[in-house]
Amino acid sequence: MVSIEVDEEKCDGCGECVDVCPEGVWIINHEKAKPKNIDACAECCSCVEVCPQECIEHSSC
């Protein structure tokens, strides 16, 4: 099972994770990135790699 955590103190809601995710896992909610559909995650790690704030912790990456 995939686990995704976001450090909300670091996240500035830039949306890079939303733009890069091929499966539509991410949304911006209240100016923060939120994984909305973790079950759809392809475990590509693109969200972790693209995040300029390094605020995404992903169990597969």
Protein backbone atom coordinates (compact mmCIF):
# COMPACT_ATOMS: atom_id res chain seq x y z
CA MET A 1 0.00 0.00 0.00
CA VAL A 2 1.29 3.44 -0.95
CA SER A 3 1.65 6.12 1.71
CA ILE A 4 2.01 9.82 0.85
CA GLU A 5 2.55 12.57 3.42
CA VAL A 6 2.89 16.32 2.87
CA ASP A 7 4.70 18.63 5.28
CA GLU A 8 2.13 21.42 5.26
CA GLU A 9 4.53 23.87 6.88
CA LYS A 10 6.88 23.57 3.88
CA CYS A 11 4.21 23.32 1.15
CA ASP A 12 3.50 26.63 -0.60
CA GLY A 13 0.82 25.26 -2.91
CA CYS A 14 2.83 25.82 -6.09
CA GLY A 15 1.03 22.96 -7.86
CA GLU A 16 4.08 21.35 -9.45
CA CYS A 17 2.98 17.94 -8.10
CA VAL A 18 -0.49 18.44 -9.58
CA ASP A 19 0.95 19.31 -13.00
CA VAL A 20 3.44 16.43 -13.17
CA CYS A 21 1.28 13.58 -11.83
CA PRO A 22 0.17 11.31 -14.71
CA GLU A 23 -2.61 9.76 -12.61
CA GLY A 24 -4.29 12.87 -11.18
CA VAL A 25 -3.50 11.97 -7.57
CA TRP A 26 -2.95 15.57 -6.42
CA ILE A 27 -5.14 18.61 -5.79
CA ILE A 28 -4.50 22.03 -4.26
CA ASN A 29 -6.82 22.60 -1.31
CA HIS A 30 -6.58 25.68 0.94
CA GLU A 31 -3.31 26.61 -0.79
CA LYS A 32 -1.67 23.27 0.08
CA ALA A 33 -1.02 20.12 -1.98
CA LYS A 34 -3.16 17.16 -0.97
CA PRO A 35 -3.12 13.61 -2.34
CA LYS A 36 -6.78 13.00 -3.16
CA ASN A 37 -6.62 9.60 -4.83
CA ILE A 38 -3.66 7.64 -3.47
CA ASP A 39 -5.06 4.37 -4.85
CA ALA A 40 -4.44 5.69 -8.40
CA CYS A 41 -0.76 6.39 -7.72
CA ALA A 42 1.56 4.79 -10.30
CA GLU A 43 4.52 5.10 -7.89
CA CYS A 44 6.54 7.04 -10.49
CA CYS A 45 7.94 9.44 -7.87
CA SER A 46 7.54 12.45 -10.18
CA CYS A 47 5.78 14.42 -7.45
CA VAL A 48 8.69 13.95 -5.05
CA GLU A 49 11.28 14.81 -7.70
CA VAL A 50 9.55 17.98 -8.92
CA CYS A 51 8.63 19.49 -5.53
CA PRO A 52 10.79 22.61 -5.01
CA GLN A 53 9.96 22.66 -1.29
CA GLU A 54 10.88 18.98 -0.79
CA CYS A 55 7.74 18.56 1.31
CA ILE A 56 6.42 15.25 -0.10
CA GLU A 57 7.26 11.98 1.62
CA HIS A 58 6.29 8.96 -0.49
CA SER A 59 6.66 5.36 0.65
CA SER A 60 7.83 4.21 -2.81
CA CYS A 61 10.42 6.89 -3.43
